[in-house]
Protein backbone atom coordinates (compact mmCIF):
# COMPACT_ATOMS: atom_id res chain seq x y z
CA MET A 1 -14.19 17.23 -11.33
CA SER A 2 -15.81 13.89 -10.26
CA VAL A 3 -16.38 10.68 -12.55
CA ALA A 4 -17.57 7.33 -11.26
CA LEU A 5 -16.45 4.21 -12.09
CA ALA A 6 -17.92 0.58 -11.59
CA GLY A 7 -17.69 -0.06 -7.91
CA CYS A 8 -16.65 3.12 -6.91
CA LYS A 9 -16.82 7.18 -6.95
CA ALA A 10 -14.35 9.48 -7.19
CA LYS A 11 -14.42 13.06 -6.09
CA GLN A 12 -12.35 16.40 -6.23
CA PRO A 13 -13.32 17.56 -3.82
CA ALA A 14 -16.71 18.31 -4.47
CA PRO A 15 -19.90 16.14 -3.97
CA ALA A 16 -19.03 12.68 -5.08
CA VAL A 17 -21.05 11.10 -7.79
CA VAL A 18 -22.99 7.98 -7.05
CA ALA A 19 -21.48 4.72 -8.63
CA SER A 20 -22.91 1.96 -10.18
CA PRO A 21 -23.30 -1.30 -8.00
CA PRO A 22 -20.18 -2.26 -6.12
CA ALA A 23 -17.77 -5.01 -7.66
CA GLN A 24 -17.59 -8.57 -6.56
CA ALA A 25 -14.71 -9.67 -4.28
CA ALA A 26 -12.64 -10.48 -7.13
CA SER A 27 -13.34 -10.92 -11.04
CA ALA A 28 -12.64 -13.94 -12.87
CA SER A 29 -10.78 -11.57 -15.34
CA LEU A 30 -7.23 -10.67 -15.93
CA GLU A 31 -7.64 -7.43 -17.87
CA VAL A 32 -6.75 -3.81 -18.14
CA VAL A 33 -10.09 -1.87 -18.79
CA ARG A 34 -10.16 1.47 -20.66
CA LEU A 35 -12.49 3.76 -19.12
CA ASP A 36 -10.84 6.87 -20.78
CA ALA A 37 -8.82 7.56 -23.45
CA ALA A 38 -6.03 9.18 -21.60
CA LEU A 39 -5.36 5.66 -20.05
CA ASP A 40 -3.55 4.87 -23.36
CA ALA A 41 -0.76 7.76 -22.24
CA VAL A 42 -0.31 5.46 -18.98
CA ILE A 43 -0.70 1.81 -20.27
CA ALA A 44 -0.58 0.94 -24.25
CA PRO A 45 -3.35 -0.30 -25.37
CA GLY A 46 -3.31 -4.12 -25.62
CA THR A 47 -0.72 -4.44 -22.83
CA LYS A 48 -1.12 -7.96 -20.92
CA ILE A 49 -1.18 -8.92 -17.17
CA GLU A 50 1.50 -11.59 -16.51
CA LYS A 51 1.31 -13.65 -13.37
CA VAL A 52 5.06 -14.35 -12.49
CA ALA A 53 4.90 -16.52 -8.92
CA SER A 54 1.96 -18.45 -6.84
CA GLY A 55 1.63 -20.33 -3.83
CA PHE A 56 1.26 -17.83 -1.19
CA VAL A 57 -0.90 -17.01 1.62
CA PHE A 58 -1.18 -13.36 1.22
CA ALA A 59 1.52 -11.24 -0.24
CA GLU A 60 1.72 -8.17 0.56
CA GLY A 61 4.28 -5.21 1.00
CA PRO A 62 6.24 -4.96 -2.27
CA MET A 63 9.18 -3.21 -2.82
CA TRP A 64 12.01 -3.11 -5.78
CA HIS A 65 15.48 -3.79 -3.98
CA GLU A 66 18.74 -4.69 -5.69
CA GLY A 67 17.30 -5.85 -9.15
CA GLN A 68 14.66 -8.02 -7.10
CA LEU A 69 11.33 -7.77 -5.83
CA TRP A 70 10.88 -8.30 -1.99
CA PHE A 71 7.75 -8.58 -0.93
CA SER A 72 5.86 -10.20 2.36
CA ASP A 73 3.43 -13.11 2.77
CA VAL A 74 1.69 -10.98 5.72
CA ALA A 75 -0.06 -14.44 6.59
CA GLY A 76 2.42 -17.00 6.01
CA ASN A 77 4.81 -15.05 8.23
CA LYS A 78 7.45 -15.38 5.18
CA MET A 79 9.67 -12.38 3.35
CA TYR A 80 10.76 -13.25 -0.19
CA ALA A 81 12.97 -11.89 -3.04
CA MET A 82 11.55 -12.74 -6.28
CA THR A 83 14.20 -12.71 -9.00
CA ALA A 84 13.34 -11.42 -12.72
CA ASP A 85 12.49 -15.92 -13.83
CA GLY A 86 9.84 -15.50 -11.04
CA HIS A 87 12.19 -17.81 -8.53
CA THR A 88 10.78 -16.90 -4.95
CA PRO A 89 13.77 -17.81 -2.44
CA VAL A 90 12.67 -17.09 1.26
CA LEU A 91 14.94 -13.83 2.56
CA ILE A 92 13.29 -14.01 6.14
CA ASP A 93 11.46 -17.16 7.68
CA HIS A 94 9.21 -15.59 11.01
CA ALA A 95 9.39 -12.36 9.40
CA GLY A 96 6.61 -10.99 11.29
CA GLY A 97 8.97 -11.70 14.42
CA LEU A 98 6.80 -14.58 16.17
CA ASP A 99 7.96 -18.11 15.86
CA SER A 100 3.96 -19.18 15.65
CA TYR A 101 0.83 -17.65 15.63
CA PRO A 102 -3.23 -18.70 14.76
CA ALA A 103 -3.33 -19.82 10.73
CA GLY A 104 -4.14 -17.20 8.29
CA MET A 105 -3.86 -14.39 11.13
CA PRO A 106 -2.01 -11.50 9.56
CA LYS A 107 1.18 -11.43 12.01
CA GLY A 108 4.02 -11.74 9.78
CA SER A 109 5.77 -8.76 8.14
CA ASN A 110 4.18 -5.73 5.77
CA GLY A 111 5.56 -2.71 4.13
CA MET A 112 9.10 -1.93 3.26
CA ALA A 113 11.06 0.73 1.93
CA THR A 114 14.70 1.68 1.45
CA ASP A 115 16.38 4.42 3.89
CA LYS A 116 18.99 6.63 2.90
CA ASP A 117 21.97 4.66 3.94
CA GLY A 118 20.36 1.97 1.58
CA SER A 119 19.08 -0.34 4.33
CA VAL A 120 15.67 -1.24 4.46
CA LEU A 121 12.56 -0.85 7.01
CA MET A 122 10.49 -3.28 7.72
CA THR A 123 7.13 -3.33 9.28
CA GLN A 124 6.33 -6.44 11.32
CA HIS A 125 2.78 -7.09 12.67
CA GLY A 126 3.88 -10.04 15.05
CA VAL A 127 5.92 -7.79 17.27
CA ARG A 128 4.35 -4.40 16.37
CA ARG A 129 7.07 -2.53 15.35
CA ILE A 130 9.49 -0.96 12.32
CA ALA A 131 12.43 -2.98 12.00
CA ARG A 132 16.09 -1.98 10.33
CA LEU A 133 17.21 -4.99 8.18
CA ASP A 134 20.80 -5.24 8.44
CA ASP A 135 23.06 -6.87 5.26
CA HIS A 136 22.46 -10.27 6.43
CA GLN A 137 18.76 -9.26 6.73
CA LYS A 138 18.38 -9.80 10.22
CA PRO A 139 16.32 -7.36 12.24
CA THR A 140 16.39 -4.99 14.85
CA THR A 141 14.00 -2.18 16.55
CA PHE A 142 13.79 0.99 14.71
CA LEU A 143 10.13 2.36 15.70
CA ASP A 144 8.02 0.70 18.10
CA ARG A 145 6.11 3.30 20.29
CA PHE A 146 4.48 6.59 20.38
CA GLU A 147 4.27 8.37 23.53
CA GLY A 148 5.38 4.89 25.57
CA LYS A 149 2.86 3.30 23.94
CA ARG A 150 3.26 0.45 21.66
CA PHE A 151 2.32 0.59 18.18
CA ASN A 152 -0.89 -1.29 16.98
CA SER A 153 0.84 -3.08 13.94
CA PRO A 154 3.00 -0.90 11.41
CA ASN A 155 1.51 -1.79 7.93
CA ASP A 156 2.48 0.37 4.91
CA LEU A 157 5.53 3.24 5.30
CA VAL A 158 6.83 5.72 2.79
CA PHE A 159 9.60 8.42 2.63
CA ALA A 160 8.17 11.78 1.39
CA PRO A 161 10.18 14.09 -0.77
CA ASP A 162 11.45 15.84 2.33
CA GLY A 163 13.20 12.69 3.34
CA SER A 164 10.63 12.43 6.23
CA LEU A 165 9.13 8.69 7.10
CA TRP A 166 5.26 8.23 7.26
CA PHE A 167 3.41 5.07 7.76
CA THR A 168 0.23 3.76 8.82
CA ASP A 169 -0.65 1.79 12.07
CA PRO A 170 -3.95 -0.10 11.83
CA PRO A 171 -4.88 -2.84 14.22
CA TYR A 172 -4.92 -5.86 11.81
CA GLY A 173 -1.94 -7.63 13.77
CA LEU A 174 -3.71 -7.27 17.03
CA THR A 175 -5.80 -10.59 17.17
CA GLY A 176 -8.73 -9.05 18.50
CA GLN A 177 -8.01 -5.38 16.74
CA ASP A 178 -9.50 -2.47 18.48
CA ARG A 179 -11.04 -4.29 21.05
CA ASP A 180 -7.56 -6.64 21.48
CA PRO A 181 -6.24 -6.15 25.40
CA ALA A 182 -2.84 -5.67 23.97
CA LYS A 183 -3.87 -2.42 22.39
CA GLU A 184 -2.23 0.08 23.82
CA LEU A 185 -2.96 3.27 21.59
CA PRO A 186 -6.47 4.50 21.57
CA PHE A 187 -6.19 5.61 17.46
CA ASN A 188 -4.85 3.90 14.88
CA GLY A 189 -2.97 6.45 13.42
CA VAL A 190 -0.71 8.04 10.45
CA TYR A 191 2.51 8.76 11.89
CA ARG A 192 5.76 11.11 10.35
CA TYR A 193 9.27 10.29 11.59
CA ALA A 194 11.67 13.61 10.86
CA ASN A 195 14.75 14.56 12.66
CA GLY A 196 14.52 12.22 15.38
CA LYS A 197 10.64 13.65 16.11
CA LEU A 198 7.78 10.97 16.02
CA THR A 199 4.37 12.99 15.38
CA ALA A 200 0.71 11.26 14.76
CA PRO A 201 -0.62 14.34 11.99
CA ILE A 202 -3.56 11.78 11.76
CA ARG A 203 -5.76 10.34 13.80
CA GLU A 204 -9.43 9.92 12.84
CA LEU A 205 -8.95 7.02 10.09
CA ALA A 206 -10.40 3.78 11.52
CA ARG A 207 -8.29 1.72 9.44
CA PRO A 208 -5.50 3.72 7.53
CA ASN A 209 -3.49 1.47 4.99
CA GLY A 210 -1.74 2.28 2.01
CA ILE A 211 0.26 5.72 1.56
CA GLY A 212 1.55 7.92 -1.05
CA PHE A 213 2.65 11.41 -2.12
CA THR A 214 2.74 13.18 -5.07
CA SER A 215 6.29 14.36 -6.34
CA ASP A 216 6.51 17.98 -4.83
CA GLY A 217 5.55 16.22 -1.47
CA LYS A 218 2.50 19.08 -1.20
CA THR A 219 -0.34 16.32 -1.19
CA LEU A 220 -0.53 13.14 0.75
CA TYR A 221 -2.98 9.99 -0.04
CA VAL A 222 -4.16 7.24 2.44
CA SER A 223 -6.27 4.51 1.98
CA ASN A 224 -8.82 3.55 4.78
CA SER A 225 -9.77 0.09 4.60
CA GLY A 226 -13.40 -0.33 6.36
CA PRO A 227 -15.44 -0.08 7.78
CA GLU A 228 -16.21 3.20 5.19
CA MET A 229 -13.80 2.39 2.28
CA TYR A 230 -12.42 5.50 0.76
CA VAL A 231 -9.13 7.22 -0.20
CA GLU A 232 -8.26 10.26 1.82
CA ARG A 233 -6.14 13.49 0.05
CA TYR A 234 -4.24 15.45 2.32
CA ASP A 235 -2.55 19.05 2.03
CA VAL A 236 0.74 18.67 3.90
CA ASN A 237 2.81 21.86 5.14
CA ALA A 238 6.04 22.59 5.35
CA ASP A 239 6.30 21.53 9.05
CA GLY A 240 4.88 17.87 8.68
CA THR A 241 1.06 19.25 9.92
CA VAL A 242 -1.86 18.35 7.37
CA SER A 243 -5.09 19.77 6.28
CA LYS A 244 -8.55 18.27 7.22
CA GLY A 245 -8.87 15.01 4.36
CA THR A 246 -10.95 14.98 1.34
CA ARG A 247 -12.28 11.91 0.03
CA PHE A 248 -10.71 11.28 -2.97
CA ILE A 249 -12.58 8.13 -3.96
CA GLU A 250 -14.91 5.86 -2.34
CA TYR A 251 -15.53 2.40 -2.60
CA PRO A 252 -18.89 0.29 -2.07
CA GLY A 253 -18.58 -3.55 -1.30
CA SER A 254 -17.13 -5.40 2.02
CA ALA A 255 -13.88 -7.09 2.90
CA PRO A 256 -11.82 -8.91 1.71
CA ASP A 257 -11.67 -6.91 -1.17
CA VAL A 258 -10.68 -3.47 0.29
CA PRO A 259 -8.83 -0.01 -0.80
CA ASP A 260 -5.30 -1.30 0.31
CA GLY A 261 -2.36 -0.34 -0.91
CA LEU A 262 -1.56 2.87 -3.43
CA LYS A 263 0.88 4.47 -5.63
CA LEU A 264 1.72 7.11 -7.57
CA ASP A 265 3.25 7.52 -11.38
CA SER A 266 5.30 10.53 -12.66
CA ALA A 267 2.40 12.00 -13.89
CA ASN A 268 0.77 11.82 -10.46
CA ASN A 269 -1.89 9.75 -11.68
CA LEU A 270 -3.04 7.46 -8.55
CA TRP A 271 -3.02 3.73 -8.52
CA THR A 272 -5.15 2.46 -5.86
CA SER A 273 -6.34 -1.14 -5.22
CA GLY A 274 -9.83 -1.45 -4.13
CA PRO A 275 -12.88 -3.64 -4.51
CA GLY A 276 -12.85 -4.98 -8.03
CA GLY A 277 -9.11 -4.40 -8.73
CA ILE A 278 -6.73 -1.35 -8.93
CA ARG A 279 -7.99 1.69 -10.36
CA ILE A 280 -5.79 4.34 -12.04
CA ILE A 281 -7.39 7.84 -11.41
CA SER A 282 -6.03 11.22 -12.85
CA PRO A 283 -4.95 14.02 -9.95
CA ALA A 284 -8.17 15.54 -11.05
CA GLY A 285 -10.20 12.71 -9.98
CA LYS A 286 -11.07 10.87 -13.36
CA VAL A 287 -10.87 7.24 -13.15
CA LEU A 288 -8.77 6.35 -16.20
CA GLY A 289 -8.86 2.59 -15.71
CA GLN A 290 -9.52 -0.47 -14.05
CA ILE A 291 -6.82 -3.69 -13.55
CA LYS A 292 -9.17 -6.61 -12.99
CA LEU A 293 -7.56 -9.48 -11.47
CA PRO A 294 -8.76 -13.03 -10.49
CA GLU A 295 -7.62 -12.43 -6.80
CA VAL A 296 -7.86 -9.59 -4.38
CA ALA A 297 -5.59 -6.62 -5.23
CA ALA A 298 -3.08 -5.68 -1.84
CA ASN A 299 -0.13 -3.58 -2.82
CA MET A 300 1.89 -2.85 -5.66
CA ALA A 301 5.69 -1.54 -6.12
CA TRP A 302 7.31 0.00 -9.49
CA ALA A 303 10.71 -1.30 -10.86
CA ASP A 304 12.78 -1.68 -13.90
CA GLY A 305 13.16 2.29 -13.41
CA GLY A 306 9.53 2.58 -13.18
CA LYS A 307 8.61 0.96 -16.71
CA THR A 308 6.94 -2.14 -14.62
CA LEU A 309 4.21 -2.34 -12.34
CA TYR A 310 4.46 -5.35 -9.71
CA ILE A 311 1.26 -6.56 -7.95
CA THR A 312 0.95 -8.50 -5.04
CA ALA A 313 -2.84 -10.02 -5.03
CA SER A 314 -3.57 -12.89 -2.45
CA THR A 315 -1.70 -15.85 -3.62
CA SER A 316 -0.20 -14.43 -6.45
CA ILE A 317 2.48 -11.90 -8.27
CA TYR A 318 1.63 -10.17 -11.37
CA ARG A 319 3.38 -7.92 -13.40
CA LEU A 320 2.49 -5.12 -16.05
CA PRO A 321 4.64 -2.72 -18.35
CA VAL A 322 3.68 0.88 -18.25
CA LYS A 323 3.79 3.67 -20.69
CA THR A 324 3.69 6.13 -17.94
CA PRO A 325 6.56 5.78 -15.75
CA GLY A 326 5.91 5.28 -11.86
CA ALA A 327 7.08 7.68 -9.57
CA LEU A 328 10.15 5.89 -7.50
CA PRO A 329 10.56 5.92 -3.96
CA HIS A 330 12.65 8.99 -2.84
CA TYR A 331 15.55 6.33 -1.45
CA VAL A 332 16.30 3.55 -3.99
CA LYS A 333 18.92 0.69 -4.35
C-alpha cells in the first residue's frame, strides 16, 4: 500500500504515488501534523514539541546514554551531553579528531552507539574512523579501513538485533566529497562488522546516511541524502547479506533539507527526517503524520525508556513525548 504526503511519496514496494509540491527547506512552524487517524496511537493529540537547547552550528548524531542526551555538533567540532534541565556541557572538544578545519565543514563527530560492554562507539568525520571512547571520553581507533583503504567519513551506526554493527560511510567529511583526492574507496558504502569481519553489503547508494532495523532484524532501512532523496528498504538474510533494495519513501526537494537520520518505534513505524520535517510512516508505507520544525531536522534518539523523542535540528535540540514507545538500541547504558 502506498500513500503520499506533502513533499514526499511512499511506496511498499509498488510504484510510488506522485506527491504534492516539494516542501521548503524549513518551516516556520513547530507542530505535529496528523495525516491519518492511526497517528493518535503513536503521538497523543495536542502533544507539543519543546525546544530544550540551542546555540549549536549543526547538531547531529544523538544518543541517550546514562540519563543524558549525548550528541555531536558535526560542524562545530564538539560533542555534548545534555542534562534533563537543558544544560549542555562539552564532553569532547575537537570531537572529529582534527584541531582545526574550515568553518562550517562537517568534519566533527557524528553518530554514536553503546557497545555491549557499555562503552560508546563514535564516528569521526575529521579522521575518517569509528572510535571507541574510554571512561574519560578519550577516543581510540575501532575501525578505519576496509580492505586496506581508509573510510570516507563514517556517519551513522546501529547495532542489529543479532549484535552485528552496521554503519554508513558517505563522503561528507571529505572537503571535495567524491572528487576529493584523499578519497580511497570507489563507493560510498553501508558496512557490517560481525565476529571480527568487516563486509560492505550495500555499495550502490550515492549518499547513504541514516540507518535502522526492525525489531526482528529482518528489515533494514537506509536514508539516501542525494542527489536523489529517498529511504531504501532491504530484506536482511541470516548471514548478513541483503536483498536488492526497494524504495520505501521518496522526497523531492534539495539540500540542505535532505533525508538524514531515521529511527523505528516499538510498532516498527519508521521515523525519518527529510524535506519539510520528520515523517512517521507505518510498516505498510502509510504516512501517519509529520513533525514540522523551524529548522532542518537531522536525527533522533529515544529516551526515558522510549517514551521521549529527542530531535537534533540544525542549531537546536527538540523534545517530544510519545505514546508508542521507541525501539531502544540493542545495547543500552
